[in-house]
């Protein structure tokens, strides 16, 4: 398979934060990139920021928990560019605690629990299940799951549903890596620590100041740093790395 057959990437949650920087980096590396988000205004803003021609960039508003919407988007992307050989599962949600004095478990409804697991864990599974057969047929693929420090260590900021979903994503990564390795497909997870973006708020926020005190390198991470690692894992050079979780935490967690 030629290099030109490896150039179509799909990024979920690609309109903001880490996802947007991954899209930007993939475009810079010459990929044709499709991304999804849940809000049309975020997609529009991302296009304005990226300023990329439509023959290189395609996006739509879908819910990654709705398999029919996901499948439709995949079909439309294939019609434009051919098979997708790079998948980045970045879409995720992290509800905030309403009452700081009440244990988080006590104020997490079953509905909220189910929604977080659905987006953060079932969504990636759905994308992987739908795209794996074509990757197997090509004998090549790269799957990158964006996890979290909260799924690797004691969660100090995130809720139990978020931590459980991200820990589950690590397990799913390993299982899929073992399953798909004989077919030329790698599956890896990136677990960022405190990375500043429009989703985490300004550095002077109380929760961020507290987090900074726990980071040995003495600064926050950047979305660009996560994008750089994603770009390497997406490349043919990373063919001997699979089933791994790469921690980008400034030393806050080391396995």
Foldseek 3Di string as FASTA:
>chain_A
DDPLVQAEEEEEPLLWFLNVLLLLVSVVVPHQYEYEAADPVSVVVSCVVSVDDPLRYHYDHDQLLDLVRVVVVQVVSCVSRRAHFEYELDDADFDFDPDPVDALVVVQDPVNLVVRLSRLAVSLVSVCVVRVVVLLVVLAHEYEYEAAVLCVDPDPGTGPSNNVSRVVVLVVQLVVQVVCLVSHYAGEYEHEYAEDTPVVDDCPDPVNVVLQVLAVVNDHHYSNVVSVVSVVSSDPVVSVDHSYYHYHYNPSDDD
